[in-house]
Amino acid sequence: MKRRETLTPDMTPLIDVVFILLIFFIVTSVFKKEELALLLNLPDSHAQTLEVEKEHITIELSAEKIAYRGKVLTLEALDEALKQVSNKKRAVIVRIDEEVRYKKIIGVLDLLQKYQLNNLSLVTRKNK
């Protein structure tokens, strides 16, 4: 009596397809450039574009909210977060909506000065 061999499917082509799909999704995905939390309408400017190092601090101001590194905070919580910054020469990028009141801007700038974070860049939209 002859015994039949059990047939097992070959897994190699299936693994190849899975890896190709994985590579496709990794390559076509959009990587997060910055940690931005607020949708801001930035003012226009004729200023030149500056390149900033990767290790920077991002602060965003809208009429109602303040965001630090992509997280919405109060002014008091921002004070605590800035107190923790160890590298005082780190670039600070401030994005300010054009509708923000001047008093709020001064409050944030005072905090930056309090912790001697003086490497400051204000982000605007490039005027066309």
N, C-alpha and C. Protein backbone atom coordinates (compact mmCIF):
# COMPACT_ATOMS: atom_id res chain seq x y z
N MET A 1 0.82 -1.17 0.00
CA MET A 1 0.00 0.00 0.00
C MET A 1 0.88 1.26 0.00
N LYS A 2 0.55 2.15 -0.88
CA LYS A 2 1.32 3.38 -0.99
C LYS A 2 0.74 4.45 -0.08
N ARG A 3 1.62 5.21 0.55
CA ARG A 3 1.18 6.32 1.39
C ARG A 3 1.31 7.61 0.59
N ARG A 4 0.35 8.45 0.78
CA ARG A 4 0.39 9.75 0.10
C ARG A 4 1.17 10.76 0.93
N GLU A 5 1.93 11.56 0.23
CA GLU A 5 2.63 12.66 0.91
C GLU A 5 1.65 13.79 1.15
N THR A 6 1.74 14.38 2.31
CA THR A 6 0.86 15.53 2.57
C THR A 6 1.46 16.75 1.89
N LEU A 7 0.61 17.47 1.23
CA LEU A 7 1.06 18.66 0.52
C LEU A 7 0.98 19.86 1.45
N THR A 8 2.05 20.61 1.50
CA THR A 8 2.05 21.86 2.28
C THR A 8 2.29 23.01 1.31
N PRO A 9 1.54 24.07 1.48
CA PRO A 9 1.75 25.20 0.56
C PRO A 9 3.11 25.85 0.80
N ASP A 10 3.70 26.31 -0.27
CA ASP A 10 4.99 26.98 -0.18
C ASP A 10 4.75 28.40 0.33
N MET A 11 5.39 28.76 1.44
CA MET A 11 5.17 30.05 2.08
C MET A 11 6.06 31.15 1.52
N THR A 12 7.06 30.80 0.76
CA THR A 12 8.01 31.78 0.25
C THR A 12 7.34 32.88 -0.58
N PRO A 13 6.48 32.57 -1.55
CA PRO A 13 5.85 33.66 -2.31
C PRO A 13 4.95 34.55 -1.44
N LEU A 14 4.29 33.97 -0.45
CA LEU A 14 3.44 34.75 0.44
C LEU A 14 4.27 35.72 1.27
N ILE A 15 5.39 35.28 1.77
CA ILE A 15 6.28 36.14 2.55
C ILE A 15 6.83 37.25 1.67
N ASP A 16 7.19 36.92 0.43
CA ASP A 16 7.68 37.93 -0.50
C ASP A 16 6.64 39.02 -0.74
N VAL A 17 5.40 38.64 -0.94
CA VAL A 17 4.33 39.61 -1.17
C VAL A 17 4.12 40.49 0.06
N VAL A 18 4.17 39.91 1.24
CA VAL A 18 3.99 40.68 2.47
C VAL A 18 5.12 41.71 2.62
N PHE A 19 6.34 41.30 2.35
CA PHE A 19 7.46 42.25 2.45
C PHE A 19 7.37 43.36 1.40
N ILE A 20 6.95 43.03 0.21
CA ILE A 20 6.79 44.04 -0.84
C ILE A 20 5.71 45.04 -0.44
N LEU A 21 4.60 44.56 0.10
CA LEU A 21 3.55 45.48 0.57
C LEU A 21 4.04 46.34 1.72
N LEU A 22 4.79 45.78 2.63
CA LEU A 22 5.34 46.54 3.75
C LEU A 22 6.27 47.64 3.25
N ILE A 23 7.14 47.31 2.34
CA ILE A 23 8.05 48.31 1.78
C ILE A 23 7.27 49.39 1.04
N PHE A 24 6.24 49.00 0.29
CA PHE A 24 5.42 49.97 -0.44
C PHE A 24 4.78 50.97 0.53
N PHE A 25 4.19 50.49 1.61
CA PHE A 25 3.53 51.39 2.56
C PHE A 25 4.51 52.26 3.32
N ILE A 26 5.68 51.76 3.61
CA ILE A 26 6.69 52.57 4.29
C ILE A 26 7.17 53.70 3.38
N VAL A 27 7.43 53.38 2.12
CA VAL A 27 7.95 54.37 1.18
C VAL A 27 6.89 55.43 0.83
N THR A 28 5.65 55.04 0.71
CA THR A 28 4.61 55.99 0.30
C THR A 28 3.96 56.73 1.45
N SER A 29 4.28 56.36 2.68
CA SER A 29 3.67 57.07 3.81
C SER A 29 4.27 58.46 3.94
N VAL A 30 3.49 59.35 4.52
CA VAL A 30 3.95 60.72 4.75
C VAL A 30 4.49 60.79 6.16
N PHE A 31 5.74 61.18 6.27
CA PHE A 31 6.36 61.27 7.58
C PHE A 31 6.05 62.63 8.19
N LYS A 32 5.84 62.63 9.48
CA LYS A 32 5.53 63.85 10.21
C LYS A 32 6.77 64.72 10.27
N LYS A 33 6.68 65.94 9.72
CA LYS A 33 7.84 66.83 9.70
C LYS A 33 8.02 67.53 11.04
N GLU A 34 6.97 68.10 11.55
CA GLU A 34 7.06 68.85 12.79
C GLU A 34 5.89 68.46 13.68
N GLU A 35 6.07 68.74 14.94
CA GLU A 35 4.99 68.51 15.88
C GLU A 35 4.16 69.78 15.98
N LEU A 36 3.15 69.87 15.16
CA LEU A 36 2.30 71.05 15.14
C LEU A 36 0.92 70.65 15.63
N ALA A 37 0.36 71.45 16.51
CA ALA A 37 -0.93 71.11 17.10
C ALA A 37 -2.04 72.06 16.67
N LEU A 38 -1.69 73.30 16.33
CA LEU A 38 -2.71 74.30 16.05
C LEU A 38 -2.70 74.67 14.57
N LEU A 39 -3.88 74.89 14.02
CA LEU A 39 -4.02 75.36 12.65
C LEU A 39 -3.96 76.89 12.69
N LEU A 40 -2.86 77.45 12.17
CA LEU A 40 -2.63 78.88 12.30
C LEU A 40 -2.65 79.56 10.95
N ASN A 41 -3.12 80.80 10.92
CA ASN A 41 -3.08 81.65 9.74
C ASN A 41 -1.90 82.60 9.96
N LEU A 42 -0.74 82.25 9.40
CA LEU A 42 0.47 83.03 9.64
C LEU A 42 0.47 84.29 8.79
N PRO A 43 1.06 85.37 9.31
CA PRO A 43 1.15 86.60 8.53
C PRO A 43 2.18 86.46 7.40
N ASP A 44 2.02 87.28 6.35
CA ASP A 44 2.95 87.28 5.22
C ASP A 44 4.22 88.03 5.58
N SER A 45 5.31 87.68 4.90
CA SER A 45 6.58 88.34 5.14
C SER A 45 7.46 88.23 3.90
N HIS A 46 8.38 89.18 3.76
CA HIS A 46 9.37 89.14 2.69
C HIS A 46 10.72 88.64 3.21
N ALA A 47 10.76 88.16 4.43
CA ALA A 47 12.02 87.75 5.06
C ALA A 47 12.57 86.50 4.39
N GLN A 48 13.86 86.30 4.57
CA GLN A 48 14.52 85.15 3.98
C GLN A 48 14.22 83.89 4.77
N THR A 49 14.38 82.74 4.13
CA THR A 49 14.16 81.46 4.77
C THR A 49 15.43 81.01 5.46
N LEU A 50 15.28 80.54 6.69
CA LEU A 50 16.43 80.06 7.47
C LEU A 50 16.29 78.57 7.70
N GLU A 51 17.41 77.88 7.67
CA GLU A 51 17.43 76.46 8.00
C GLU A 51 17.67 76.33 9.50
N VAL A 52 16.90 75.46 10.14
CA VAL A 52 17.01 75.28 11.59
C VAL A 52 17.39 73.83 11.86
N GLU A 53 18.21 73.63 12.88
CA GLU A 53 18.63 72.28 13.24
C GLU A 53 17.44 71.43 13.67
N LYS A 54 17.66 70.12 13.71
CA LYS A 54 16.58 69.20 14.05
C LYS A 54 16.14 69.33 15.51
N GLU A 55 17.08 69.55 16.39
CA GLU A 55 16.76 69.66 17.81
C GLU A 55 16.32 71.09 18.12
N HIS A 56 15.04 71.34 17.99
CA HIS A 56 14.53 72.67 18.28
C HIS A 56 13.24 72.56 19.08
N ILE A 57 12.84 73.68 19.62
CA ILE A 57 11.61 73.78 20.40
C ILE A 57 10.59 74.52 19.55
N THR A 58 9.39 73.97 19.43
CA THR A 58 8.33 74.62 18.66
C THR A 58 7.23 75.08 19.60
N ILE A 59 6.90 76.37 19.52
CA ILE A 59 5.80 76.94 20.29
C ILE A 59 4.82 77.55 19.29
N GLU A 60 3.53 77.25 19.46
CA GLU A 60 2.50 77.78 18.58
C GLU A 60 1.51 78.60 19.41
N LEU A 61 1.09 79.73 18.86
CA LEU A 61 0.11 80.58 19.54
C LEU A 61 -1.07 80.83 18.61
N SER A 62 -2.24 80.53 19.10
CA SER A 62 -3.47 80.94 18.42
C SER A 62 -4.20 81.89 19.35
N ALA A 63 -5.32 82.42 18.92
CA ALA A 63 -6.05 83.37 19.74
C ALA A 63 -6.49 82.75 21.07
N GLU A 64 -6.78 81.44 21.09
CA GLU A 64 -7.27 80.80 22.31
C GLU A 64 -6.27 79.87 22.98
N LYS A 65 -5.32 79.29 22.21
CA LYS A 65 -4.49 78.21 22.76
C LYS A 65 -3.01 78.48 22.58
N ILE A 66 -2.23 77.74 23.36
CA ILE A 66 -0.77 77.71 23.25
C ILE A 66 -0.39 76.23 23.13
N ALA A 67 0.51 75.92 22.19
CA ALA A 67 0.99 74.55 22.04
C ALA A 67 2.51 74.54 22.14
N TYR A 68 3.03 73.55 22.84
CA TYR A 68 4.47 73.36 23.01
C TYR A 68 4.80 71.95 22.53
N ARG A 69 5.62 71.87 21.48
CA ARG A 69 6.01 70.58 20.89
C ARG A 69 4.80 69.71 20.55
N GLY A 70 3.77 70.34 20.01
CA GLY A 70 2.60 69.60 19.54
C GLY A 70 1.56 69.30 20.60
N LYS A 71 1.76 69.78 21.82
CA LYS A 71 0.79 69.53 22.89
C LYS A 71 0.23 70.85 23.37
N VAL A 72 -1.09 70.92 23.47
CA VAL A 72 -1.76 72.15 23.91
C VAL A 72 -1.57 72.30 25.42
N LEU A 73 -1.08 73.49 25.83
CA LEU A 73 -0.79 73.77 27.24
C LEU A 73 -1.36 75.12 27.64
N THR A 74 -1.38 75.37 28.94
CA THR A 74 -1.68 76.70 29.46
C THR A 74 -0.36 77.46 29.57
N LEU A 75 -0.44 78.75 29.84
CA LEU A 75 0.76 79.56 30.00
C LEU A 75 1.59 79.07 31.19
N GLU A 76 0.92 78.64 32.26
CA GLU A 76 1.61 78.14 33.44
C GLU A 76 2.31 76.82 33.14
N ALA A 77 1.65 75.94 32.37
CA ALA A 77 2.27 74.66 32.00
C ALA A 77 3.45 74.89 31.05
N LEU A 78 3.35 75.91 30.19
CA LEU A 78 4.46 76.26 29.31
C LEU A 78 5.65 76.73 30.14
N ASP A 79 5.38 77.48 31.19
CA ASP A 79 6.42 77.94 32.11
C ASP A 79 7.17 76.73 32.68
N GLU A 80 6.43 75.73 33.13
CA GLU A 80 7.05 74.51 33.70
C GLU A 80 7.83 73.75 32.64
N ALA A 81 7.30 73.68 31.42
CA ALA A 81 7.98 72.94 30.34
C ALA A 81 9.28 73.63 29.94
N LEU A 82 9.26 74.95 29.88
CA LEU A 82 10.47 75.68 29.50
C LEU A 82 11.53 75.62 30.59
N LYS A 83 11.09 75.46 31.82
CA LYS A 83 12.03 75.34 32.94
C LYS A 83 12.88 74.08 32.80
N GLN A 84 12.32 73.05 32.15
CA GLN A 84 13.01 71.76 32.00
C GLN A 84 14.03 71.74 30.86
N VAL A 85 14.06 72.77 30.01
CA VAL A 85 14.97 72.79 28.86
C VAL A 85 16.40 72.96 29.38
N SER A 86 17.25 72.01 29.02
CA SER A 86 18.63 72.06 29.53
C SER A 86 19.57 72.82 28.59
N ASN A 87 19.39 72.67 27.29
CA ASN A 87 20.27 73.34 26.33
C ASN A 87 19.71 74.72 26.00
N LYS A 88 20.29 75.76 26.57
CA LYS A 88 19.78 77.13 26.40
C LYS A 88 20.07 77.68 25.01
N LYS A 89 20.96 77.04 24.24
CA LYS A 89 21.28 77.51 22.89
C LYS A 89 20.40 76.87 21.83
N ARG A 90 19.50 76.01 22.23
CA ARG A 90 18.60 75.32 21.31
C ARG A 90 17.70 76.34 20.61
N ALA A 91 17.45 76.13 19.33
CA ALA A 91 16.60 77.04 18.56
C ALA A 91 15.15 76.94 19.04
N VAL A 92 14.51 78.09 19.17
CA VAL A 92 13.10 78.16 19.56
C VAL A 92 12.34 78.73 18.36
N ILE A 93 11.42 77.94 17.82
CA ILE A 93 10.62 78.37 16.68
C ILE A 93 9.23 78.72 17.20
N VAL A 94 8.81 79.95 16.96
CA VAL A 94 7.50 80.42 17.44
C VAL A 94 6.63 80.69 16.23
N ARG A 95 5.49 79.99 16.16
CA ARG A 95 4.49 80.21 15.11
C ARG A 95 3.32 80.94 15.75
N ILE A 96 3.01 82.12 15.24
CA ILE A 96 1.97 82.96 15.85
C ILE A 96 0.91 83.28 14.81
N ASP A 97 -0.34 82.98 15.15
CA ASP A 97 -1.45 83.33 14.28
C ASP A 97 -1.56 84.85 14.20
N GLU A 98 -1.98 85.35 13.06
CA GLU A 98 -2.04 86.81 12.90
C GLU A 98 -3.13 87.46 13.73
N GLU A 99 -4.02 86.69 14.32
CA GLU A 99 -5.10 87.24 15.15
C GLU A 99 -4.78 87.26 16.64
N VAL A 100 -3.60 86.81 17.02
CA VAL A 100 -3.23 86.74 18.45
C VAL A 100 -2.99 88.13 19.00
N ARG A 101 -3.49 88.36 20.21
CA ARG A 101 -3.31 89.65 20.86
C ARG A 101 -1.85 89.79 21.30
N TYR A 102 -1.38 91.01 21.24
CA TYR A 102 0.01 91.34 21.54
C TYR A 102 0.39 90.95 22.97
N LYS A 103 -0.55 91.08 23.90
CA LYS A 103 -0.30 90.75 25.30
C LYS A 103 0.08 89.28 25.47
N LYS A 104 -0.55 88.41 24.72
CA LYS A 104 -0.26 86.98 24.79
C LYS A 104 1.14 86.69 24.23
N ILE A 105 1.50 87.36 23.16
CA ILE A 105 2.83 87.20 22.56
C ILE A 105 3.91 87.63 23.55
N ILE A 106 3.68 88.77 24.20
CA ILE A 106 4.65 89.28 25.17
C ILE A 106 4.79 88.31 26.34
N GLY A 107 3.69 87.68 26.76
CA GLY A 107 3.75 86.70 27.84
C GLY A 107 4.67 85.53 27.50
N VAL A 108 4.56 85.03 26.28
CA VAL A 108 5.42 83.91 25.85
C VAL A 108 6.86 84.37 25.70
N LEU A 109 7.08 85.55 25.10
CA LEU A 109 8.44 86.06 24.94
C LEU A 109 9.10 86.32 26.30
N ASP A 110 8.33 86.76 27.28
CA ASP A 110 8.86 86.96 28.63
C ASP A 110 9.32 85.63 29.24
N LEU A 111 8.54 84.55 29.00
CA LEU A 111 8.93 83.24 29.51
C LEU A 111 10.24 82.77 28.85
N LEU A 112 10.36 82.99 27.56
CA LEU A 112 11.59 82.60 26.86
C LEU A 112 12.79 83.37 27.40
N GLN A 113 12.59 84.65 27.67
CA GLN A 113 13.67 85.46 28.22
C GLN A 113 14.00 85.03 29.65
N LYS A 114 12.98 84.68 30.42
CA LYS A 114 13.17 84.24 31.81
C LYS A 114 14.10 83.04 31.89
N TYR A 115 13.98 82.12 30.93
CA TYR A 115 14.82 80.92 30.92
C TYR A 115 15.98 81.03 29.95
N GLN A 116 16.29 82.24 29.50
CA GLN A 116 17.42 82.56 28.63
C GLN A 116 17.43 81.73 27.35
N LEU A 117 16.26 81.52 26.78
CA LEU A 117 16.14 80.85 25.48
C LEU A 117 16.07 81.95 24.43
N ASN A 118 17.23 82.40 23.98
CA ASN A 118 17.32 83.58 23.13
C ASN A 118 17.49 83.29 21.65
N ASN A 119 17.70 82.04 21.27
CA ASN A 119 17.86 81.68 19.86
C ASN A 119 16.46 81.52 19.26
N LEU A 120 15.85 82.63 18.91
CA LEU A 120 14.43 82.70 18.59
C LEU A 120 14.20 82.94 17.10
N SER A 121 13.24 82.21 16.53
CA SER A 121 12.82 82.42 15.14
C SER A 121 11.30 82.53 15.11
N LEU A 122 10.80 83.59 14.49
CA LEU A 122 9.36 83.75 14.31
C LEU A 122 9.01 83.29 12.89
N VAL A 123 8.07 82.38 12.79
CA VAL A 123 7.70 81.79 11.50
C VAL A 123 6.59 82.61 10.87
N THR A 124 6.75 82.91 9.58
CA THR A 124 5.72 83.59 8.80
C THR A 124 5.50 82.83 7.51
N ARG A 125 4.52 83.25 6.76
CA ARG A 125 4.26 82.69 5.45
C ARG A 125 5.01 83.51 4.42
N LYS A 126 5.60 82.88 3.44
CA LYS A 126 6.34 83.62 2.43
C LYS A 126 5.37 84.36 1.52
N ASN A 127 5.59 85.65 1.36
CA ASN A 127 4.74 86.50 0.52
C ASN A 127 5.02 86.16 -0.94
N LYS A 128 3.96 85.97 -1.73
CA LYS A 128 4.13 85.57 -3.13
C LYS A 128 4.32 86.74 -4.04
